[in-house]
Amino acid sequence: MTLPRTGIGIDVHAFAPEDQPQPLWLGGLLWEGERGLAGHSDGDPVAHAAADALFSACGIGDLGTHFGTDRPEFAGASGATLLAEAARIIRAEGFEIGNVAVQFVANRPTFGPRREESQRVLSEAAGAPVSVTATTSDGLGFTGRGEGISAVATALVYRHGEPS
């Protein structure tokens, strides 16, 4: 019997300072007209949490291990690119992805109208199903104050060739 492994990933980014505007990348999508997030790469907490959950499930480090600020080649990289690279890394380690589920917490943007588009982009990057949901924190904490966005993800993976 092949036993699945699960992992959890969390990512948080503050909004970029207003005097240093950045585009908002969230769920693998560009959100025109929205204030962007600060970060080494594009600051997409949804894609980053998904990648971190994959690394966690496989026990091979985390986002910082593979794409940290000491890796200049990932400066400005898209979250979808990082997720695709995370999927490649875990597959090279002998794992396959069952699915990834991500929920982000933010006051904006309104996610529902673009949910399917986001899931399609992230699923293509991961080469496996990725579902994304969104919620608010009812005005509580840094997300409620509109200071940034957080995301938490779970991933289900299994090792290739495990005995049946």
Protein backbone atom coordinates (compact mmCIF):
# COMPACT_ATOMS: atom_id res chain seq x y z
CA MET A 1 0.00 0.00 0.00
CA THR A 2 1.37 3.40 -0.97
CA LEU A 3 0.92 5.82 1.90
CA PRO A 4 0.48 9.50 1.12
CA ARG A 5 2.48 12.18 2.88
CA THR A 6 1.09 15.59 3.78
CA GLY A 7 2.78 18.93 4.18
CA ILE A 8 1.86 22.41 5.32
CA GLY A 9 3.15 25.68 3.93
CA ILE A 10 2.56 29.21 5.16
CA ASP A 11 3.59 32.42 3.47
CA VAL A 12 3.05 36.04 4.45
CA HIS A 13 3.90 39.24 2.60
CA ALA A 14 3.38 42.86 3.56
CA PHE A 15 2.11 45.32 1.00
CA ALA A 16 4.94 47.22 -0.68
CA PRO A 17 5.46 50.78 0.55
CA GLU A 18 3.35 53.26 -1.38
CA ASP A 19 6.51 55.14 -2.45
CA GLN A 20 7.93 51.89 -3.91
CA PRO A 21 4.92 50.46 -5.77
CA GLN A 22 4.90 46.86 -6.95
CA PRO A 23 2.38 44.96 -9.09
CA LEU A 24 0.14 42.55 -7.20
CA TRP A 25 0.75 38.91 -8.07
CA LEU A 26 -1.63 36.59 -6.24
CA GLY A 27 -2.56 33.02 -7.09
CA GLY A 28 -0.32 33.14 -10.15
CA LEU A 29 -2.25 36.11 -11.57
CA LEU A 30 -1.48 39.79 -12.07
CA TRP A 31 -4.09 42.00 -10.43
CA GLU A 32 -4.08 45.31 -12.31
CA GLY A 33 -4.80 48.39 -10.20
CA GLU A 34 -4.13 46.62 -6.88
CA ARG A 35 -1.31 47.47 -4.50
CA GLY A 36 1.43 44.84 -4.72
CA LEU A 37 3.34 42.94 -2.08
CA ALA A 38 6.97 43.26 -1.04
CA GLY A 39 9.22 40.26 -1.54
CA HIS A 40 12.41 38.78 -2.98
CA SER A 41 10.46 37.28 -5.86
CA ASP A 42 7.04 38.50 -6.98
CA GLY A 43 5.66 38.17 -3.43
CA ASP A 44 2.80 35.79 -4.38
CA PRO A 45 1.90 34.19 -1.02
CA VAL A 46 -0.52 31.69 -2.60
CA ALA A 47 2.06 30.18 -4.95
CA HIS A 48 4.77 30.37 -2.28
CA ALA A 49 2.66 28.58 0.34
CA ALA A 50 1.83 25.87 -2.22
CA ALA A 51 5.53 25.33 -2.98
CA ASP A 52 6.39 25.29 0.72
CA ALA A 53 3.70 22.67 1.39
CA LEU A 54 5.24 20.43 -1.28
CA PHE A 55 8.70 20.73 0.28
CA SER A 56 7.21 20.06 3.73
CA ALA A 57 5.39 16.93 2.57
CA CYS A 58 8.61 15.52 1.13
CA GLY A 59 10.80 16.56 4.05
CA ILE A 60 13.29 18.35 1.80
CA GLY A 61 13.52 21.80 3.31
CA ASP A 62 11.37 24.82 2.65
CA LEU A 63 10.97 27.81 0.36
CA GLY A 64 14.02 29.53 1.84
CA THR A 65 16.14 26.41 1.38
CA HIS A 66 15.43 26.28 -2.33
CA PHE A 67 14.64 29.89 -3.33
CA GLY A 68 16.03 32.06 -0.51
CA THR A 69 17.31 35.60 -0.73
CA ASP A 70 20.82 34.16 -1.14
CA ARG A 71 19.71 32.95 -4.60
CA PRO A 72 19.81 36.07 -6.83
CA GLU A 73 18.54 34.09 -9.82
CA PHE A 74 15.12 33.98 -8.12
CA ALA A 75 14.88 37.74 -7.50
CA GLY A 76 11.65 38.87 -9.12
CA ALA A 77 10.68 35.32 -10.16
CA SER A 78 7.00 34.61 -10.57
CA GLY A 79 5.25 32.47 -7.99
CA ALA A 80 4.06 30.15 -10.76
CA THR A 81 7.69 29.66 -11.82
CA LEU A 82 8.71 28.86 -8.24
CA LEU A 83 5.82 26.40 -7.89
CA ALA A 84 6.79 24.68 -11.15
CA GLU A 85 10.40 24.44 -9.97
CA ALA A 86 9.26 23.09 -6.57
CA ALA A 87 7.22 20.43 -8.38
CA ARG A 88 10.24 19.53 -10.52
CA ILE A 89 12.46 19.26 -7.41
CA ILE A 90 10.09 17.01 -5.49
CA ARG A 91 9.57 14.78 -8.53
CA ALA A 92 13.35 14.48 -8.89
CA GLU A 93 13.34 13.29 -5.26
CA GLY A 94 10.96 10.47 -6.21
CA PHE A 95 7.62 12.00 -5.24
CA GLU A 96 4.42 12.68 -7.14
CA ILE A 97 1.80 15.28 -6.25
CA GLY A 98 -1.73 14.21 -5.37
CA ASN A 99 -3.06 17.73 -4.87
CA VAL A 100 -2.43 21.08 -3.21
CA ALA A 101 -5.05 23.21 -1.43
CA VAL A 102 -4.38 26.85 -0.54
CA GLN A 103 -6.38 29.41 1.40
CA PHE A 104 -5.32 33.03 1.59
CA VAL A 105 -6.47 35.72 4.00
CA ALA A 106 -6.91 39.27 2.68
CA ASN A 107 -9.38 42.13 2.48
CA ARG A 108 -8.72 42.49 -1.23
CA PRO A 109 -8.71 41.71 -4.08
CA THR A 110 -12.08 40.07 -4.62
CA PHE A 111 -10.97 36.60 -5.62
CA GLY A 112 -14.13 34.72 -6.64
CA PRO A 113 -14.37 36.01 -10.22
CA ARG A 114 -10.81 34.82 -10.98
CA ARG A 115 -10.69 31.62 -8.89
CA GLU A 116 -10.89 29.22 -11.84
CA GLU A 117 -8.22 31.16 -13.75
CA SER A 118 -5.90 31.04 -10.72
CA GLN A 119 -6.48 27.34 -10.16
CA ARG A 120 -5.78 26.64 -13.82
CA VAL A 121 -2.49 28.59 -13.78
CA LEU A 122 -1.27 27.01 -10.54
CA SER A 123 -2.39 23.49 -11.51
CA GLU A 124 -0.50 23.84 -14.77
CA ALA A 125 2.60 25.02 -12.89
CA ALA A 126 2.42 22.14 -10.40
CA GLY A 127 1.37 19.53 -12.92
CA ALA A 128 -1.33 18.49 -10.45
CA PRO A 129 -4.63 19.83 -9.06
CA VAL A 130 -4.32 23.05 -7.04
CA SER A 131 -7.41 24.52 -5.40
CA VAL A 132 -7.50 28.04 -3.98
CA THR A 133 -9.94 29.61 -1.55
CA ALA A 134 -10.01 33.04 0.05
CA THR A 135 -11.31 34.56 3.24
CA THR A 136 -11.01 37.70 5.32
CA SER A 137 -10.07 38.01 8.97
CA ASP A 138 -13.08 40.18 9.86
CA GLY A 139 -10.85 43.21 10.39
CA LEU A 140 -8.54 41.43 12.84
CA GLY A 141 -4.74 41.29 12.69
CA PHE A 142 -2.39 42.57 10.00
CA THR A 143 -4.54 41.19 7.17
CA GLY A 144 -7.63 42.82 8.66
CA ARG A 145 -5.79 46.14 8.89
CA GLY A 146 -4.86 45.82 5.22
CA GLU A 147 -1.11 45.52 5.89
CA GLY A 148 -0.55 42.37 3.86
CA ILE A 149 -1.74 38.94 2.77
CA SER A 150 -1.15 35.52 4.30
CA ALA A 151 -1.70 32.08 2.84
CA VAL A 152 -1.66 28.53 4.19
CA ALA A 153 -1.44 25.44 2.01
CA THR A 154 -1.58 21.69 2.39
CA ALA A 155 -0.11 19.23 -0.06
CA LEU A 156 -0.60 15.53 -0.54
CA VAL A 157 2.28 13.65 -2.15
CA TYR A 158 3.31 10.04 -2.50
CA ARG A 159 6.63 8.39 -3.26
CA HIS A 160 7.11 6.65 -6.61
CA GLY A 161 7.69 2.95 -6.43
CA GLU A 162 6.74 2.40 -2.78
CA PRO A 163 5.93 -1.25 -2.16
CA SER A 164 2.28 -2.20 -2.47
